[in-house]
Amino acid sequence: MPTSFRPQRLLQRLSLSGPARRPRTTSSVARGACIACQLRSQSQSSSRPTSRLPDTRHLTSPLRRRFASTSPASNDSGAPAGPESRGIAPDITNHYTIFRQTLPSGPPPGSPFDISLGDLRREFLQLQNVSHPDKYPPGEAKRRAEAFSTLINEAYRTLADPLLRAQYLLREMHGIDVTAEDGAAKHALDAQTLMEVMEVQETIEEVSADPNAEAKIAELKKENAVRVESGVRELAGAFDREDIETARTECVRLRFWYNVGEALKEWEPGMTELRLVH
């Protein structure tokens, strides 16, 4: 008999100590391909960026320091080597300054929280077109291109996703890290959302042996998608009016619904509880 899903157990399973897992997608491109190559392989009619992007956050700091501190090298003709020689004058102050065409006014409230993903994608591909490491011979120029390409990848990956974008803005612009190890204690989920998550769990327990369980799970997925969409709207409004406390609360709530959505996607017949990731 399935046991009830206690609040403390739920909070442990939905620990905020790490980033929310992203939905699975299928792609004909090998997993090791760069983001630009993955995007180019997608249908031109798709306006959404790929959700399975290489995680380069563990490389960011040293590469950012190296790229920012390295003086432009020169080739035999005296022109600067690396991406600069192809018209790139990178401003790596933050993720927003990298995409100066799409986001000329910087982060909110200078620019709206909502971003045109089509414009962001086009500028990303333009930047990668001149900075892709494969375009440079081995040596300093290639190393600089690799460093800049990594920064572009990270910035695009972050800005293209509303939750990652919100977490970045809170952390980098306002000093609030909801993904820190002590995040579950400092940024606790509100009671109302916790109860909603528990109701989803109870529903899964009830339908686990039902022959129509898959239809019910499909309904739960749609309901969760509506919650995510609503959460993104609330986040956008909070950032646009500089209500950082509300933005923090909504970010924590959205993080939970992202986790629930991923758990529902991995549900299989016979499962009696959500497999919530940390």
Protein backbone atom coordinates (compact mmCIF):
# COMPACT_ATOMS: atom_id res chain seq x y z
CA MET A 1 0.00 0.00 0.00
CA PRO A 2 1.48 3.32 -0.96
CA THR A 3 2.34 5.61 1.90
CA SER A 4 1.20 9.21 1.97
CA PHE A 5 3.64 11.78 0.65
CA ARG A 6 4.69 13.78 3.73
CA PRO A 7 5.68 17.47 3.38
CA GLN A 8 9.17 16.87 4.81
CA ARG A 9 9.79 14.00 2.40
CA LEU A 10 8.55 16.13 -0.47
CA LEU A 11 10.89 18.97 0.44
CA GLN A 12 13.80 16.55 0.56
CA ARG A 13 12.97 15.17 -2.88
CA LEU A 14 12.51 18.64 -4.30
CA SER A 15 15.73 19.94 -2.78
CA LEU A 16 16.86 23.21 -4.33
CA SER A 17 20.52 22.34 -4.02
CA GLY A 18 20.91 21.74 -7.75
CA PRO A 19 19.47 22.93 -11.05
CA ALA A 20 16.20 21.51 -12.29
CA ARG A 21 16.60 18.74 -14.82
CA ARG A 22 15.64 19.69 -18.32
CA PRO A 23 13.16 17.78 -20.48
CA ARG A 24 14.48 15.10 -22.79
CA THR A 25 14.48 15.73 -26.50
CA THR A 26 15.48 13.64 -29.45
CA SER A 27 17.99 14.86 -31.96
CA SER A 28 19.82 13.48 -34.95
CA VAL A 29 22.93 15.34 -33.84
CA ALA A 30 25.43 13.56 -31.63
CA ARG A 31 25.32 14.61 -27.99
CA GLY A 32 28.79 16.04 -28.17
CA ALA A 33 27.90 18.55 -30.88
CA CYS A 34 28.03 22.24 -30.03
CA ILE A 35 24.82 24.18 -29.54
CA ALA A 36 25.12 25.99 -32.86
CA CYS A 37 25.43 22.68 -34.72
CA GLN A 38 22.39 21.31 -32.88
CA LEU A 39 20.33 24.37 -33.72
CA ARG A 40 21.30 24.26 -37.39
CA SER A 41 20.17 20.63 -37.53
CA GLN A 42 16.66 21.48 -36.36
CA SER A 43 13.80 22.36 -38.65
CA GLN A 44 13.92 25.99 -39.74
CA SER A 45 10.23 26.26 -38.90
CA SER A 46 10.85 25.62 -35.22
CA SER A 47 10.96 28.77 -33.13
CA ARG A 48 11.90 27.09 -29.86
CA PRO A 49 15.57 26.53 -28.92
CA THR A 50 16.79 23.08 -28.15
CA SER A 51 16.30 22.06 -24.52
CA ARG A 52 19.19 19.60 -24.47
CA LEU A 53 22.18 21.89 -24.50
CA PRO A 54 25.68 21.15 -23.26
CA ASP A 55 26.17 22.26 -19.66
CA THR A 56 29.33 24.42 -19.70
CA ARG A 57 28.84 26.10 -16.35
CA HIS A 58 31.73 24.20 -14.76
CA LEU A 59 34.06 25.74 -17.37
CA THR A 60 32.75 29.28 -17.25
CA SER A 61 34.89 31.04 -14.67
CA PRO A 62 38.39 30.09 -15.89
CA LEU A 63 37.41 30.58 -19.51
CA ARG A 64 35.83 33.94 -18.77
CA ARG A 65 38.98 35.09 -16.97
CA ARG A 66 41.23 33.81 -19.73
CA PHE A 67 39.22 35.37 -22.51
CA ALA A 68 38.82 38.68 -20.70
CA SER A 69 42.48 38.97 -19.74
CA THR A 70 44.20 37.70 -22.87
CA SER A 71 45.49 40.41 -25.18
CA PRO A 72 44.52 40.02 -28.86
CA ALA A 73 47.11 38.04 -30.74
CA SER A 74 48.18 39.00 -34.25
CA ASN A 75 48.66 36.94 -37.37
CA ASP A 76 51.37 37.44 -39.97
CA SER A 77 49.45 40.28 -41.63
CA GLY A 78 49.24 42.21 -38.37
CA ALA A 79 45.48 41.72 -37.97
CA PRO A 80 44.23 40.50 -34.57
CA ALA A 81 43.74 36.75 -34.34
CA GLY A 82 40.69 35.03 -32.94
CA PRO A 83 37.05 36.14 -33.18
CA GLU A 84 38.07 39.83 -33.11
CA SER A 85 39.55 39.48 -36.58
CA ARG A 86 36.08 38.58 -37.89
CA GLY A 87 34.32 41.63 -36.53
CA ILE A 88 33.65 40.46 -32.96
CA ALA A 89 34.28 42.97 -30.17
CA PRO A 90 32.88 40.94 -27.28
CA ASP A 91 31.51 42.56 -24.15
CA ILE A 92 31.39 39.74 -21.62
CA THR A 93 30.28 41.84 -18.67
CA ASN A 94 27.24 39.58 -18.37
CA HIS A 95 25.06 37.32 -20.50
CA TYR A 96 22.95 40.23 -21.71
CA THR A 97 25.87 42.27 -23.02
CA ILE A 98 26.97 39.35 -25.18
CA PHE A 99 23.71 39.61 -27.15
CA ARG A 100 23.82 43.35 -27.71
CA GLN A 101 21.60 43.28 -30.82
CA THR A 102 18.75 41.35 -29.22
CA LEU A 103 19.12 42.92 -25.76
CA PRO A 104 20.62 46.40 -26.27
CA SER A 105 19.17 47.74 -23.00
CA GLY A 106 20.61 44.99 -20.81
CA PRO A 107 18.83 43.01 -18.09
CA PRO A 108 15.48 43.97 -16.53
CA PRO A 109 14.22 46.56 -15.90
CA GLY A 110 16.22 47.98 -18.83
CA SER A 111 14.84 45.22 -21.06
CA PRO A 112 11.68 43.17 -20.47
CA PHE A 113 12.13 39.78 -18.83
CA ASP A 114 10.53 38.14 -21.86
CA ILE A 115 12.98 37.62 -24.72
CA SER A 116 12.32 37.01 -28.40
CA LEU A 117 13.75 33.52 -28.75
CA GLY A 118 13.83 33.86 -32.52
CA ASP A 119 16.00 36.99 -32.33
CA LEU A 120 18.18 35.45 -29.64
CA ARG A 121 18.69 32.32 -31.72
CA ARG A 122 19.61 34.30 -34.84
CA GLU A 123 22.17 36.42 -32.99
CA PHE A 124 23.59 33.33 -31.31
CA LEU A 125 24.13 31.66 -34.67
CA GLN A 126 25.71 34.84 -36.04
CA LEU A 127 28.15 34.97 -33.15
CA GLN A 128 28.97 31.29 -33.45
CA ASN A 129 29.44 31.66 -37.19
CA VAL A 130 32.48 33.88 -36.62
CA SER A 131 33.74 32.31 -33.40
CA HIS A 132 33.32 28.56 -33.99
CA PRO A 133 36.67 26.93 -33.10
CA ASP A 134 36.62 24.86 -36.29
CA LYS A 135 37.16 28.06 -38.28
CA TYR A 136 40.61 28.67 -36.75
CA PRO A 137 43.93 26.83 -37.02
CA PRO A 138 45.51 25.35 -33.90
CA GLY A 139 47.11 27.94 -31.65
CA GLU A 140 46.15 31.10 -29.80
CA ALA A 141 43.41 32.08 -32.25
CA LYS A 142 41.68 28.72 -31.81
CA ARG A 143 41.99 28.86 -28.02
CA ARG A 144 40.44 32.33 -27.93
CA ALA A 145 37.63 31.17 -30.23
CA GLU A 146 36.98 28.16 -27.97
CA ALA A 147 36.80 30.41 -24.91
CA PHE A 148 34.40 32.84 -26.54
CA SER A 149 32.30 30.02 -28.01
CA THR A 150 31.92 28.50 -24.54
CA LEU A 151 30.73 31.81 -23.12
CA ILE A 152 28.24 32.24 -25.95
CA ASN A 153 26.91 28.72 -25.40
CA GLU A 154 26.42 29.29 -21.68
CA ALA A 155 24.76 32.68 -22.18
CA TYR A 156 22.40 31.35 -24.85
CA ARG A 157 21.49 28.27 -22.83
CA THR A 158 20.68 30.43 -19.81
CA LEU A 159 18.75 33.22 -21.50
CA ALA A 160 16.70 30.87 -23.69
CA ASP A 161 15.10 29.18 -20.67
CA PRO A 162 12.84 31.28 -18.39
CA LEU A 163 13.79 29.44 -15.19
CA LEU A 164 17.53 29.53 -15.86
CA ARG A 165 17.20 33.19 -16.87
CA ALA A 166 15.38 34.05 -13.63
CA GLN A 167 17.92 32.17 -11.51
CA TYR A 168 20.75 33.98 -13.30
CA LEU A 169 19.19 37.42 -12.78
CA LEU A 170 18.55 36.76 -9.09
CA ARG A 171 22.06 35.44 -8.52
CA GLU A 172 24.14 37.80 -10.66
CA MET A 173 22.13 41.02 -10.40
CA HIS A 174 20.63 40.74 -6.92
CA GLY A 175 22.85 38.32 -4.96
CA ILE A 176 20.07 35.76 -4.39
CA ASP A 177 21.06 32.17 -5.19
CA VAL A 178 18.01 29.90 -4.94
CA THR A 179 20.11 26.95 -6.18
CA ALA A 180 22.68 27.13 -3.38
CA GLU A 181 23.19 24.17 -1.06
CA ASP A 182 21.25 25.94 1.68
CA GLY A 183 18.60 27.11 -0.77
CA ALA A 184 15.88 24.77 0.56
CA ALA A 185 16.18 26.40 3.99
CA LYS A 186 16.59 30.01 2.85
CA HIS A 187 14.07 29.86 0.03
CA ALA A 188 11.35 27.51 1.23
CA LEU A 189 8.36 26.68 -0.94
CA ASP A 190 5.10 28.35 0.07
CA ALA A 191 2.48 26.16 1.75
CA GLN A 192 -0.10 26.51 -1.02
CA THR A 193 2.22 25.23 -3.76
CA LEU A 194 3.42 22.43 -1.48
CA MET A 195 -0.15 21.28 -1.04
CA GLU A 196 -0.71 21.39 -4.82
CA VAL A 197 2.35 19.20 -5.38
CA MET A 198 1.08 16.76 -2.75
CA GLU A 199 -2.28 16.60 -4.54
CA VAL A 200 -0.51 15.64 -7.76
CA GLN A 201 1.29 12.88 -5.85
CA GLU A 202 -1.94 11.62 -4.32
CA THR A 203 -3.57 11.50 -7.76
CA ILE A 204 -0.71 9.38 -9.09
CA GLU A 205 -1.12 6.99 -6.17
CA GLU A 206 -4.85 6.70 -6.85
CA VAL A 207 -4.57 6.03 -10.60
CA SER A 208 -1.54 3.71 -10.50
CA ALA A 209 -3.68 0.60 -10.95
CA ASP A 210 -6.31 2.24 -13.15
CA PRO A 211 -6.42 0.98 -16.78
CA ASN A 212 -6.94 4.62 -17.83
CA ALA A 213 -3.95 5.81 -15.83
CA GLU A 214 -2.08 7.09 -18.89
CA ALA A 215 -4.96 9.37 -19.84
CA LYS A 216 -5.01 10.81 -16.32
CA ILE A 217 -1.26 11.37 -16.38
CA ALA A 218 -1.63 13.16 -19.72
CA GLU A 219 -4.20 15.42 -18.08
CA LEU A 220 -1.81 16.12 -15.19
CA LYS A 221 0.89 17.06 -17.70
CA LYS A 222 -1.40 19.60 -19.34
CA GLU A 223 -2.35 21.05 -15.96
CA ASN A 224 1.31 21.35 -15.02
CA ALA A 225 2.14 23.04 -18.32
CA VAL A 226 -0.49 25.67 -17.51
CA ARG A 227 1.11 26.20 -14.08
CA VAL A 228 4.53 26.65 -15.69
CA GLU A 229 3.16 29.13 -18.21
CA SER A 230 1.44 31.08 -15.45
CA GLY A 231 4.61 31.05 -13.34
CA VAL A 232 6.66 32.47 -16.20
CA ARG A 233 4.14 35.31 -16.60
CA GLU A 234 4.31 36.10 -12.89
CA LEU A 235 8.11 36.08 -13.01
CA ALA A 236 8.16 38.42 -15.98
CA GLY A 237 5.86 40.89 -14.27
CA ALA A 238 7.88 40.83 -11.05
CA PHE A 239 11.20 41.48 -12.80
CA ASP A 240 9.74 44.17 -15.06
CA ARG A 241 8.43 46.15 -12.08
CA GLU A 242 11.59 45.44 -10.02
CA ASP A 243 9.71 43.45 -7.38
CA ILE A 244 12.65 41.20 -6.53
CA GLU A 245 11.04 39.48 -3.52
CA THR A 246 8.09 38.37 -5.63
CA ALA A 247 10.51 37.30 -8.37
CA ARG A 248 12.37 35.16 -5.83
CA THR A 249 9.15 33.54 -4.60
CA GLU A 250 7.91 32.85 -8.12
CA CYS A 251 11.30 31.46 -9.15
CA VAL A 252 11.24 28.93 -6.30
CA ARG A 253 7.68 27.96 -7.21
CA LEU A 254 8.49 27.60 -10.91
CA ARG A 255 11.48 25.45 -10.05
CA PHE A 256 9.16 23.01 -8.30
CA TRP A 257 6.76 22.86 -11.25
CA TYR A 258 9.68 22.23 -13.61
CA ASN A 259 10.64 19.26 -11.44
CA VAL A 260 7.07 17.96 -11.32
CA GLY A 261 6.80 18.28 -15.10
CA GLU A 262 9.96 16.26 -15.62
CA ALA A 263 8.77 13.61 -13.15
CA LEU A 264 5.46 13.30 -14.98
CA LYS A 265 7.28 12.82 -18.29
CA GLU A 266 9.18 9.89 -16.80
CA TRP A 267 6.07 8.26 -15.32
CA GLU A 268 5.49 4.66 -16.34
CA PRO A 269 2.50 2.35 -15.74
CA GLY A 270 2.65 0.93 -12.23
CA MET A 271 4.51 3.85 -10.70
CA THR A 272 2.89 5.07 -7.50
CA GLU A 273 4.87 8.22 -6.79
CA LEU A 274 6.69 11.06 -8.47
CA ARG A 275 10.38 10.53 -9.15
CA LEU A 276 11.39 14.02 -8.21
CA VAL A 277 14.98 14.96 -9.00
CA HIS A 278 17.28 16.96 -6.74
